[in-house]
Amino acid sequence: MGQTPSVSVVITTYNQASYIGPALDSVFAQSRTPAEVIVVDDGSTDDTPERIAPYRDRLVYIRQPNQGVAQARNMGVRTARGDLLAFLDGDDLWESEKLARQVAAACAHPDSGLIAVNGVQFSETRLTRESLFPSPIARLFDGGVDSVCVDASPYFLRACVVSTTSQAMIPARMLEAVGLSDPHLALVSDWDLYLRIAERYPVTFVNQRLTRWRYHEKSASGPALSREVRWGEDGIHMLAKHVQRAAPERRRLVRASLRSKVFMTAQAAYYLVESGERDLGLKSLRRLLSWSRVSMAPAVFLAAAYSPAWLRRSLGGVARTALKVGRSV
């Protein structure tokens, strides 16, 4: 990597005209100046190009037909020349020390395949999450340290413990080794990429809140419960891919993670049925039936969805207890 690694910032955006200016301002306010800033506009139909125009002399602007976030990110990676690649979604923000702190962590742990900082989630009116690290990662800092370098593959098998790509920095040479984002995964291409990295390299987590992840109901995957179902279905396909490519000694763990994801997604779809989104929940449960060889959860929850309310109440607890037996990783 050398003594002074260069940093390329890759920003992906699609119809985020209202937010792209503040996102760029947060990049250019970094105490550690990046070597280059690349903006990939994935076919925006709003006035994103006009909002970017004042910054054009300070960045590389690539506009492409809409192909999805994975392809947009891949275009940025192919264009980047830096030793370290830092990613930012077009509606998120960075604190001014974000790049400096990540570069220091990358230099301290040169074998890391991923350096992820903590952050917060915010809406237009309030702070919605005070930490982006889930509890399994937060517990790594119980001793008072502000960064750890660990084998993170067990964590990434259970869930994507990096909430937004705006937290992530990846050495370019690691991406050359593991490959680019999978465009066939519409919602979880980042999770898939992190898992591929974590299978081969340690991951460094920095417990400083240096990313601000914007939350709004018009996000790519919709309101919280329907988002959980959509992300869950995409996650099932991703984990199934990993079952096929896992080394024999890891295959049991990946299968267990897949089984757990099928259960959790079927349960979320059932909650959609119960919360008034009946058609949406039933459609998801029917799609999930194809995974019944992995878990009986979709069939059980679908049967429950068609049962009378009194029967669901009397059998629901028993069914959930039975289903949970095999879902843990």
Protein backbone atom coordinates (compact mmCIF):
# COMPACT_ATOMS: atom_id res chain seq x y z
CA MET A 1 0.00 0.00 0.00
CA GLY A 2 2.97 2.33 0.58
CA GLN A 3 3.57 4.92 3.27
CA THR A 4 0.95 7.37 2.10
CA PRO A 5 -1.93 5.45 0.48
CA SER A 6 -4.06 7.43 -1.91
CA VAL A 7 -7.83 7.50 -1.47
CA SER A 8 -10.47 7.43 -4.18
CA VAL A 9 -13.99 8.41 -3.14
CA VAL A 10 -16.73 6.65 -5.12
CA ILE A 11 -20.19 8.24 -4.85
CA THR A 12 -23.21 6.55 -6.41
CA THR A 13 -26.43 8.49 -6.89
CA TYR A 14 -29.84 8.09 -8.48
CA ASN A 15 -32.51 10.82 -8.28
CA GLN A 16 -30.98 12.33 -5.14
CA ALA A 17 -30.71 15.90 -6.37
CA SER A 18 -31.84 17.36 -3.05
CA TYR A 19 -29.05 15.58 -1.19
CA ILE A 20 -26.08 15.32 -3.56
CA GLY A 21 -24.80 18.83 -2.81
CA PRO A 22 -24.52 18.29 0.97
CA ALA A 23 -22.99 14.84 0.33
CA LEU A 24 -20.30 16.40 -1.87
CA ASP A 25 -19.73 19.21 0.64
CA SER A 26 -19.04 16.60 3.32
CA VAL A 27 -16.43 14.96 1.06
CA PHE A 28 -14.64 18.19 0.21
CA ALA A 29 -14.63 19.17 3.90
CA GLN A 30 -12.54 16.12 4.82
CA SER A 31 -9.40 16.83 6.84
CA ARG A 32 -7.69 14.15 4.74
CA THR A 33 -8.08 15.25 1.13
CA PRO A 34 -8.88 12.38 -1.26
CA ALA A 35 -6.80 11.91 -4.40
CA GLU A 36 -9.94 11.83 -6.52
CA VAL A 37 -13.71 11.99 -6.20
CA ILE A 38 -15.79 9.96 -8.66
CA VAL A 39 -19.55 10.45 -8.97
CA VAL A 40 -21.49 7.80 -10.86
CA ASP A 41 -24.96 9.06 -11.78
CA ASP A 42 -27.05 5.96 -12.47
CA GLY A 43 -29.42 7.56 -14.95
CA SER A 44 -31.07 10.17 -12.72
CA THR A 45 -34.20 11.77 -14.19
CA ASP A 46 -34.23 14.74 -11.79
CA ASP A 47 -31.87 17.73 -11.84
CA THR A 48 -28.91 15.85 -10.34
CA PRO A 49 -26.55 16.92 -13.20
CA GLU A 50 -27.35 20.58 -12.57
CA ARG A 51 -26.75 20.17 -8.82
CA ILE A 52 -23.37 18.57 -9.51
CA ALA A 53 -22.31 21.18 -12.06
CA PRO A 54 -20.71 23.60 -9.52
CA TYR A 55 -18.38 20.81 -8.37
CA ARG A 56 -17.38 19.50 -11.80
CA ASP A 57 -13.85 20.93 -11.73
CA ARG A 58 -13.14 18.93 -8.55
CA LEU A 59 -14.50 15.51 -9.50
CA VAL A 60 -14.90 12.89 -12.19
CA TYR A 61 -18.55 12.74 -13.29
CA ILE A 62 -19.84 9.59 -15.00
CA ARG A 63 -23.43 9.40 -16.18
CA GLN A 64 -24.78 6.03 -17.30
CA PRO A 65 -28.19 4.51 -18.13
CA ASN A 66 -29.93 3.20 -15.01
CA GLN A 67 -28.45 -0.21 -14.18
CA GLY A 68 -28.78 -0.44 -10.40
CA VAL A 69 -26.49 0.47 -7.54
CA ALA A 70 -24.15 -2.53 -7.92
CA GLN A 71 -23.32 -1.68 -11.53
CA ALA A 72 -22.93 1.99 -10.64
CA ARG A 73 -20.52 1.11 -7.84
CA ASN A 74 -18.61 -1.23 -10.15
CA MET A 75 -18.21 1.57 -12.68
CA GLY A 76 -16.73 3.76 -9.96
CA VAL A 77 -14.36 1.00 -8.85
CA ARG A 78 -13.16 0.40 -12.41
CA THR A 79 -12.48 4.12 -12.82
CA ALA A 80 -10.75 4.62 -9.46
CA ARG A 81 -6.95 4.77 -9.25
CA GLY A 82 -6.48 5.05 -5.49
CA ASP A 83 -4.99 2.49 -3.12
CA LEU A 84 -8.05 2.76 -0.86
CA LEU A 85 -11.64 3.12 -2.05
CA ALA A 86 -14.15 4.92 0.18
CA PHE A 87 -17.82 4.67 -0.76
CA LEU A 88 -20.60 7.18 -0.22
CA ASP A 89 -24.28 6.97 -1.14
CA GLY A 90 -25.54 10.17 -2.72
CA ASP A 91 -27.88 11.03 0.14
CA ASP A 92 -25.51 10.33 3.06
CA LEU A 93 -22.95 12.51 4.83
CA TRP A 94 -19.49 12.14 6.35
CA GLU A 95 -17.99 13.80 9.39
CA SER A 96 -14.81 15.71 8.57
CA GLU A 97 -12.42 13.15 10.15
CA LYS A 98 -13.93 10.12 8.45
CA LEU A 99 -11.30 9.53 5.79
CA ALA A 100 -8.37 10.42 8.05
CA ARG A 101 -9.49 7.96 10.70
CA GLN A 102 -10.07 5.19 8.18
CA VAL A 103 -6.72 5.69 6.48
CA ALA A 104 -5.00 5.50 9.87
CA ALA A 105 -6.86 2.24 10.63
CA ALA A 106 -5.98 0.83 7.21
CA CYS A 107 -2.29 1.60 7.79
CA ALA A 108 -2.40 0.12 11.28
CA HIS A 109 -4.02 -3.08 9.93
CA PRO A 110 -2.65 -3.50 6.39
CA ASP A 111 -4.10 -7.00 6.01
CA SER A 112 -7.68 -5.77 6.51
CA GLY A 113 -10.00 -6.30 3.57
CA LEU A 114 -12.57 -3.84 4.88
CA ILE A 115 -12.42 -0.87 7.25
CA ALA A 116 -15.86 0.16 8.56
CA VAL A 117 -16.61 3.14 10.79
CA ASN A 118 -19.58 3.61 13.07
CA GLY A 119 -22.19 6.29 12.47
CA VAL A 120 -25.75 7.44 13.09
CA GLN A 121 -28.99 7.29 11.15
CA PHE A 122 -31.05 10.45 10.78
CA SER A 123 -34.26 11.63 9.17
CA GLU A 124 -35.36 15.13 8.21
CA THR A 125 -36.57 15.74 11.77
CA ARG A 126 -34.61 13.59 14.21
CA LEU A 127 -31.86 11.10 14.98
CA THR A 128 -33.36 7.67 14.33
CA ARG A 129 -30.39 5.51 15.40
CA GLU A 130 -27.52 6.55 17.63
CA SER A 131 -25.20 3.77 16.43
CA LEU A 132 -24.98 1.89 13.15
CA PHE A 133 -23.09 -1.05 14.64
CA PRO A 134 -25.41 -3.87 15.79
CA SER A 135 -24.94 -5.28 19.28
CA PRO A 136 -22.55 -8.15 18.28
CA ILE A 137 -20.13 -5.57 16.84
CA ALA A 138 -20.72 -3.03 19.62
CA ARG A 139 -19.71 -5.67 22.17
CA LEU A 140 -16.26 -5.89 20.58
CA PHE A 141 -15.53 -2.47 22.08
CA ASP A 142 -16.49 -3.33 25.67
CA GLY A 143 -12.83 -3.12 26.69
CA GLY A 144 -12.70 0.55 25.79
CA VAL A 145 -10.73 0.29 22.54
CA ASP A 146 -11.91 2.40 19.62
CA SER A 147 -10.93 -0.04 16.85
CA VAL A 148 -10.66 -3.81 16.46
CA CYS A 149 -9.41 -6.08 13.69
CA VAL A 150 -11.20 -9.44 13.71
CA ASP A 151 -12.34 -12.43 11.70
CA ALA A 152 -15.75 -11.02 10.84
CA SER A 153 -17.06 -13.84 8.67
CA PRO A 154 -19.25 -15.30 11.49
CA TYR A 155 -20.88 -11.89 11.95
CA PHE A 156 -21.49 -11.36 8.24
CA LEU A 157 -22.94 -14.85 7.93
CA ARG A 158 -25.68 -13.88 10.36
CA ALA A 159 -26.40 -10.40 8.99
CA CYS A 160 -24.90 -7.46 7.18
CA VAL A 161 -23.28 -5.72 10.14
CA VAL A 162 -22.29 -2.70 8.03
CA SER A 163 -25.53 -0.77 7.63
CA THR A 164 -24.56 1.43 4.69
CA THR A 165 -21.73 1.42 2.18
CA SER A 166 -21.06 4.99 3.34
CA GLN A 167 -19.29 3.40 6.32
CA ALA A 168 -16.96 1.32 4.17
CA MET A 169 -13.41 1.66 2.89
CA ILE A 170 -11.86 -1.20 0.91
CA PRO A 171 -8.26 -1.54 -0.34
CA ALA A 172 -8.29 -1.72 -4.13
CA ARG A 173 -6.10 -4.83 -4.14
CA MET A 174 -8.72 -6.70 -2.09
CA LEU A 175 -11.40 -5.97 -4.67
CA GLU A 176 -9.05 -7.28 -7.35
CA ALA A 177 -8.84 -10.52 -5.37
CA VAL A 178 -12.52 -11.07 -4.46
CA GLY A 179 -14.22 -9.44 -7.46
CA LEU A 180 -16.75 -6.64 -7.86
CA SER A 181 -20.33 -6.29 -6.62
CA ASP A 182 -22.85 -8.80 -7.96
CA PRO A 183 -25.42 -6.88 -10.08
CA HIS A 184 -27.89 -9.76 -9.84
CA LEU A 185 -28.47 -8.88 -6.18
CA ALA A 186 -30.64 -5.78 -6.27
CA LEU A 187 -30.59 -5.02 -2.54
CA VAL A 188 -27.83 -6.99 -0.83
CA SER A 189 -24.89 -6.71 -3.23
CA ASP A 190 -22.96 -4.89 -0.48
CA TRP A 191 -23.60 -7.69 2.05
CA ASP A 192 -22.46 -10.26 -0.51
CA LEU A 193 -19.28 -8.28 -1.18
CA TYR A 194 -18.46 -7.88 2.52
CA LEU A 195 -19.02 -11.59 3.14
CA ARG A 196 -16.69 -12.50 0.28
CA ILE A 197 -14.07 -10.16 1.74
CA ALA A 198 -14.53 -11.44 5.30
CA GLU A 199 -14.09 -15.04 4.15
CA ARG A 200 -10.53 -14.20 3.09
CA TYR A 201 -9.36 -11.21 5.12
CA PRO A 202 -9.79 -9.72 8.61
CA VAL A 203 -12.10 -6.73 8.98
CA THR A 204 -11.37 -3.59 10.99
CA PHE A 205 -14.22 -1.84 12.81
CA VAL A 206 -13.70 1.73 14.03
CA ASN A 207 -16.04 2.75 16.83
CA GLN A 208 -16.29 6.42 15.93
CA ARG A 209 -19.51 7.89 14.55
CA LEU A 210 -18.18 9.31 11.32
CA THR A 211 -21.02 8.53 8.88
CA ARG A 212 -24.52 10.00 8.81
CA TRP A 213 -26.92 7.59 7.11
CA ARG A 214 -30.06 9.29 5.84
CA TYR A 215 -33.40 7.54 6.43
CA HIS A 216 -36.51 8.33 4.43
CA GLU A 217 -39.58 6.34 3.48
CA LYS A 218 -38.87 6.73 -0.24
CA SER A 219 -35.67 4.68 0.01
CA ALA A 220 -35.06 2.01 -2.65
CA SER A 221 -36.66 -0.73 -0.60
CA GLY A 222 -39.63 1.07 0.99
CA PRO A 223 -41.05 1.22 4.55
CA ALA A 224 -39.46 -0.82 7.31
CA LEU A 225 -41.51 -4.05 7.29
CA SER A 226 -41.80 -4.42 3.52
CA ARG A 227 -38.12 -3.51 3.30
CA GLU A 228 -37.27 -6.35 5.67
CA VAL A 229 -39.15 -8.80 3.43
CA ARG A 230 -37.55 -7.56 0.22
CA TRP A 231 -34.07 -7.53 1.73
CA GLY A 232 -34.76 -10.96 3.21
CA GLU A 233 -35.68 -12.50 -0.13
CA ASP A 234 -32.59 -11.03 -1.79
CA GLY A 235 -30.50 -12.22 1.16
CA ILE A 236 -31.79 -15.77 0.72
CA HIS A 237 -30.60 -15.83 -2.88
CA MET A 238 -27.24 -14.42 -1.81
CA LEU A 239 -26.71 -17.00 0.95
CA ALA A 240 -27.77 -19.82 -1.37
CA LYS A 241 -24.99 -18.70 -3.72
CA HIS A 242 -22.54 -18.85 -0.82
CA VAL A 243 -23.63 -22.37 0.10
CA GLN A 244 -22.56 -23.49 -3.36
CA ARG A 245 -19.16 -21.77 -3.19
CA ALA A 246 -18.34 -22.40 0.49
CA ALA A 247 -15.44 -24.60 1.47
CA PRO A 248 -16.61 -27.97 2.86
CA GLU A 249 -15.67 -27.05 6.43
CA ARG A 250 -17.80 -23.86 6.24
CA ARG A 251 -20.79 -25.18 4.34
CA ARG A 252 -22.71 -26.23 7.45
CA LEU A 253 -22.49 -22.72 8.90
CA VAL A 254 -23.62 -21.11 5.65
CA ARG A 255 -26.55 -23.52 5.38
CA ALA A 256 -27.56 -22.68 8.95
CA SER A 257 -27.46 -18.98 8.08
CA LEU A 258 -29.60 -19.63 5.01
CA ARG A 259 -32.12 -21.59 7.09
CA SER A 260 -32.30 -18.74 9.61
CA LYS A 261 -32.81 -16.16 6.86
CA VAL A 262 -35.67 -18.17 5.33
CA PHE A 263 -37.34 -18.34 8.74
CA MET A 264 -36.91 -14.63 9.50
CA THR A 265 -38.13 -13.56 6.05
CA ALA A 266 -41.19 -15.83 6.22
CA GLN A 267 -41.99 -14.47 9.67
CA ALA A 268 -41.67 -10.88 8.41
CA ALA A 269 -43.97 -11.71 5.48
CA TYR A 270 -46.50 -13.16 7.92
CA TYR A 271 -46.33 -9.96 9.98
CA LEU A 272 -47.13 -8.05 6.79
CA VAL A 273 -50.29 -10.14 6.46
CA GLU A 274 -51.20 -9.41 10.09
CA SER A 275 -50.45 -5.68 9.78
CA GLY A 276 -52.83 -5.09 6.89
CA GLU A 277 -50.52 -5.67 3.91
CA ARG A 278 -52.14 -9.04 3.27
CA ASP A 279 -51.61 -9.29 -0.49
CA LEU A 280 -47.96 -8.28 -0.26
CA GLY A 281 -47.29 -10.72 2.59
CA LEU A 282 -49.06 -13.61 0.88
CA LYS A 283 -47.18 -13.08 -2.38
CA SER A 284 -43.89 -13.20 -0.51
CA LEU A 285 -44.86 -16.35 1.40
CA ARG A 286 -45.83 -18.07 -1.85
CA ARG A 287 -42.46 -17.17 -3.38
CA LEU A 288 -40.71 -18.44 -0.26
CA LEU A 289 -42.38 -21.85 -0.61
CA SER A 290 -39.64 -22.76 -3.08
CA TRP A 291 -37.26 -22.74 -0.08
CA SER A 292 -39.28 -25.27 1.92
CA ARG A 293 -36.48 -27.81 1.46
CA VAL A 294 -34.33 -25.46 3.57
CA SER A 295 -36.95 -24.55 6.20
CA MET A 296 -40.59 -25.44 6.79
CA ALA A 297 -41.26 -21.87 7.95
CA PRO A 298 -42.82 -20.54 4.70
CA ALA A 299 -45.35 -23.39 4.56
CA VAL A 300 -46.26 -23.03 8.24
CA PHE A 301 -46.64 -19.25 8.11
CA LEU A 302 -48.63 -19.46 4.87
CA ALA A 303 -50.99 -21.99 6.44
CA ALA A 304 -51.33 -19.72 9.47
CA ALA A 305 -52.14 -16.75 7.24
CA TYR A 306 -55.15 -18.62 5.83
CA SER A 307 -56.33 -19.89 9.22
CA PRO A 308 -59.10 -18.28 11.30
CA ALA A 309 -57.92 -15.71 13.81
CA TRP A 310 -58.84 -17.85 16.82
CA LEU A 311 -56.79 -20.75 15.48
CA ARG A 312 -53.79 -18.50 14.75
CA ARG A 313 -53.86 -17.26 18.33
CA SER A 314 -53.98 -20.74 19.83
CA LEU A 315 -51.39 -22.32 17.54
CA GLY A 316 -49.11 -19.36 16.84
CA GLY A 317 -46.88 -19.77 19.88
CA VAL A 318 -46.51 -23.49 19.38
CA ALA A 319 -45.65 -23.06 15.70
CA ARG A 320 -43.06 -20.38 16.35
CA THR A 321 -41.40 -22.45 19.05
CA ALA A 322 -41.18 -25.45 16.72
CA LEU A 323 -39.83 -23.39 13.85
CA LYS A 324 -37.17 -21.68 15.94
CA VAL A 325 -35.55 -25.00 16.78
CA GLY A 326 -33.71 -25.10 13.49
CA ARG A 327 -33.24 -21.45 12.61
CA SER A 328 -30.27 -20.41 14.77
CA VAL A 329 -26.79 -20.27 13.30
